[in-house]
Amino acid sequence: MSKAITINIPHELGRAEARRRIDAGFGQLSHQLGGAAGAITKSWDGDRLNFSVTAVGQAVSGFIEVAETAVRLEVLLPGFLAMIANKVKGRLQKEGQILLEKK
């Protein structure tokens, strides 16, 4: 059984800088989705990054929407990963906040 998780992360970077950081840090995000990730695909459609990652033998998909003052991440976790959704959500929230901190 799959489970969708949604994370909203406020930021003060502006849309362009948040998008740049997300694009540069996407590898770290995919790592948080299940350790050693296999095949990764990503594509931007305006300010929305659609992605899929094969992790632990399962396909994880989702998107990241970048707005001027917040980022919304939605991930669909299949099977085994759905059972640990709260742990995955916490890790993604923490890593996303670090990535989008104003420095």
C-alpha atoms as a PDB file:
ATOM      1  CA  MET A   1       0.000   0.000   0.000  1.00  0.00           C
ATOM      2  CA  SER A   2       1.403   3.404  -0.945  1.00  0.00           C
ATOM      3  CA  LYS A   3       1.296   6.584   1.098  1.00  0.00           C
ATOM      4  CA  ALA A   4       1.578  10.219   0.018  1.00  0.00           C
ATOM      5  CA  ILE A   5       3.441  12.691   2.199  1.00  0.00           C
ATOM      6  CA  THR A   6       3.367  16.463   1.814  1.00  0.00           C
ATOM      7  CA  ILE A   7       5.883  18.886   3.266  1.00  0.00           C
ATOM      8  CA  ASN A   8       5.689  22.685   3.157  1.00  0.00           C
ATOM      9  CA  ILE A   9       8.908  24.564   3.854  1.00  0.00           C
ATOM     10  CA  PRO A  10       8.857  28.364   4.169  1.00  0.00           C
ATOM     11  CA  HIS A  11      11.915  30.262   2.973  1.00  0.00           C
ATOM     12  CA  GLU A  12      13.215  33.798   2.486  1.00  0.00           C
ATOM     13  CA  LEU A  13      15.308  33.164  -0.622  1.00  0.00           C
ATOM     14  CA  GLY A  14      12.946  34.171  -3.390  1.00  0.00           C
ATOM     15  CA  ARG A  15      11.777  31.805  -6.102  1.00  0.00           C
ATOM     16  CA  ALA A  16      14.917  31.853  -8.278  1.00  0.00           C
ATOM     17  CA  GLU A  17      17.409  31.107  -5.479  1.00  0.00           C
ATOM     18  CA  ALA A  18      15.186  28.419  -3.937  1.00  0.00           C
ATOM     19  CA  ARG A  19      14.878  26.749  -7.340  1.00  0.00           C
ATOM     20  CA  ARG A  20      18.645  26.930  -7.894  1.00  0.00           C
ATOM     21  CA  ARG A  21      19.354  25.318  -4.512  1.00  0.00           C
ATOM     22  CA  ILE A  22      16.793  22.584  -5.066  1.00  0.00           C
ATOM     23  CA  ASP A  23      18.221  21.783  -8.472  1.00  0.00           C
ATOM     24  CA  ALA A  24      21.752  21.654  -7.066  1.00  0.00           C
ATOM     25  CA  GLY A  25      20.736  19.671  -3.978  1.00  0.00           C
ATOM     26  CA  PHE A  26      18.417  17.153  -5.617  1.00  0.00           C
ATOM     27  CA  GLY A  27      20.922  14.334  -5.217  1.00  0.00           C
ATOM     28  CA  GLN A  28      20.787  14.760  -1.439  1.00  0.00           C
ATOM     29  CA  LEU A  29      16.975  14.676  -1.523  1.00  0.00           C
ATOM     30  CA  SER A  30      16.972  11.437  -3.496  1.00  0.00           C
ATOM     31  CA  HIS A  31      19.419   9.957  -0.973  1.00  0.00           C
ATOM     32  CA  GLN A  32      16.955  10.798   1.843  1.00  0.00           C
ATOM     33  CA  LEU A  33      14.238   8.848   0.048  1.00  0.00           C
ATOM     34  CA  GLY A  34      15.887   5.533   0.664  1.00  0.00           C
ATOM     35  CA  GLY A  35      19.622   5.450   1.047  1.00  0.00           C
ATOM     36  CA  ALA A  36      21.418   4.330  -2.072  1.00  0.00           C
ATOM     37  CA  ALA A  37      19.172   5.463  -4.874  1.00  0.00           C
ATOM     38  CA  GLY A  38      19.147   3.726  -8.213  1.00  0.00           C
ATOM     39  CA  ALA A  39      17.745   5.377 -11.318  1.00  0.00           C
ATOM     40  CA  ILE A  40      16.827   9.039 -10.869  1.00  0.00           C
ATOM     41  CA  THR A  41      14.806  11.115 -13.298  1.00  0.00           C
ATOM     42  CA  LYS A  42      13.874  14.753 -12.894  1.00  0.00           C
ATOM     43  CA  SER A  43      12.409  17.417 -15.118  1.00  0.00           C
ATOM     44  CA  TRP A  44      11.362  21.017 -14.559  1.00  0.00           C
ATOM     45  CA  ASP A  45       8.007  22.270 -15.791  1.00  0.00           C
ATOM     46  CA  GLY A  46       8.096  25.965 -14.959  1.00  0.00           C
ATOM     47  CA  ASP A  47       8.686  26.134 -11.193  1.00  0.00           C
ATOM     48  CA  ARG A  48       7.659  22.520 -10.609  1.00  0.00           C
ATOM     49  CA  LEU A  49      10.255  19.749 -10.450  1.00  0.00           C
ATOM     50  CA  ASN A  50       8.770  16.333 -11.246  1.00  0.00           C
ATOM     51  CA  PHE A  51      10.905  13.384 -10.196  1.00  0.00           C
ATOM     52  CA  SER A  52      11.118   9.648  -9.730  1.00  0.00           C
ATOM     53  CA  VAL A  53      13.728   7.694  -7.815  1.00  0.00           C
ATOM     54  CA  THR A  54      14.225   3.963  -7.544  1.00  0.00           C
ATOM     55  CA  ALA A  55      15.140   3.236  -3.929  1.00  0.00           C
ATOM     56  CA  VAL A  56      15.318  -0.085  -2.110  1.00  0.00           C
ATOM     57  CA  GLY A  57      13.941  -1.725  -5.252  1.00  0.00           C
ATOM     58  CA  GLN A  58      10.840   0.483  -5.242  1.00  0.00           C
ATOM     59  CA  ALA A  59       9.855   3.472  -7.353  1.00  0.00           C
ATOM     60  CA  VAL A  60       9.273   6.730  -5.476  1.00  0.00           C
ATOM     61  CA  SER A  61       7.714   9.636  -7.364  1.00  0.00           C
ATOM     62  CA  GLY A  62       6.643  13.148  -6.596  1.00  0.00           C
ATOM     63  CA  PHE A  63       7.114  16.824  -7.252  1.00  0.00           C
ATOM     64  CA  ILE A  64       8.502  19.995  -5.720  1.00  0.00           C
ATOM     65  CA  GLU A  65       6.681  23.276  -6.334  1.00  0.00           C
ATOM     66  CA  VAL A  66       8.762  26.387  -5.767  1.00  0.00           C
ATOM     67  CA  ALA A  67       6.981  29.603  -4.800  1.00  0.00           C
ATOM     68  CA  GLU A  68       8.372  32.982  -3.749  1.00  0.00           C
ATOM     69  CA  THR A  69       8.203  32.278   0.005  1.00  0.00           C
ATOM     70  CA  ALA A  70       7.643  28.509   0.319  1.00  0.00           C
ATOM     71  CA  VAL A  71       8.389  25.161  -1.249  1.00  0.00           C
ATOM     72  CA  ARG A  72       5.888  22.300  -1.357  1.00  0.00           C
ATOM     73  CA  LEU A  73       7.182  18.756  -1.654  1.00  0.00           C
ATOM     74  CA  GLU A  74       4.821  15.876  -2.345  1.00  0.00           C
ATOM     75  CA  VAL A  75       6.137  12.317  -2.434  1.00  0.00           C
ATOM     76  CA  LEU A  76       4.328   9.030  -3.081  1.00  0.00           C
ATOM     77  CA  LEU A  77       5.985   6.261  -1.059  1.00  0.00           C
ATOM     78  CA  PRO A  78       5.261   2.681  -2.141  1.00  0.00           C
ATOM     79  CA  GLY A  79       5.181  -0.529  -0.089  1.00  0.00           C
ATOM     80  CA  PHE A  80       7.986  -0.809   2.446  1.00  0.00           C
ATOM     81  CA  LEU A  81       8.794   2.908   2.382  1.00  0.00           C
ATOM     82  CA  ALA A  82       5.150   3.734   3.163  1.00  0.00           C
ATOM     83  CA  MET A  83       5.562   1.852   6.440  1.00  0.00           C
ATOM     84  CA  ILE A  84       8.299   4.274   7.491  1.00  0.00           C
ATOM     85  CA  ALA A  85       6.632   7.388   6.048  1.00  0.00           C
ATOM     86  CA  ASN A  86       6.939   9.443   9.244  1.00  0.00           C
ATOM     87  CA  LYS A  87      10.676   8.814   9.431  1.00  0.00           C
ATOM     88  CA  VAL A  88      11.131   9.698   5.747  1.00  0.00           C
ATOM     89  CA  LYS A  89       8.979  12.820   6.166  1.00  0.00           C
ATOM     90  CA  GLY A  90      11.037  13.990   9.148  1.00  0.00           C
ATOM     91  CA  ARG A  91      14.314  13.518   7.283  1.00  0.00           C
ATOM     92  CA  LEU A  92      13.036  15.327   4.196  1.00  0.00           C
ATOM     93  CA  GLN A  93      11.677  18.205   6.314  1.00  0.00           C
ATOM     94  CA  LYS A  94      14.998  18.615   8.122  1.00  0.00           C
ATOM     95  CA  GLU A  95      17.157  18.391   4.988  1.00  0.00           C
ATOM     96  CA  GLY A  96      14.818  20.734   3.088  1.00  0.00           C
ATOM     97  CA  GLN A  97      15.021  23.362   5.817  1.00  0.00           C
ATOM     98  CA  ILE A  98      18.818  23.146   5.842  1.00  0.00           C
ATOM     99  CA  LEU A  99      18.928  23.448   2.042  1.00  0.00           C
ATOM    100  CA  LEU A 100      16.676  26.529   2.068  1.00  0.00           C
ATOM    101  CA  GLU A 101      18.219  28.369   5.038  1.00  0.00           C
ATOM    102  CA  LYS A 102      19.161  31.954   4.321  1.00  0.00           C
ATOM    103  CA  LYS A 103      22.906  32.273   4.740  1.00  0.00           C
END
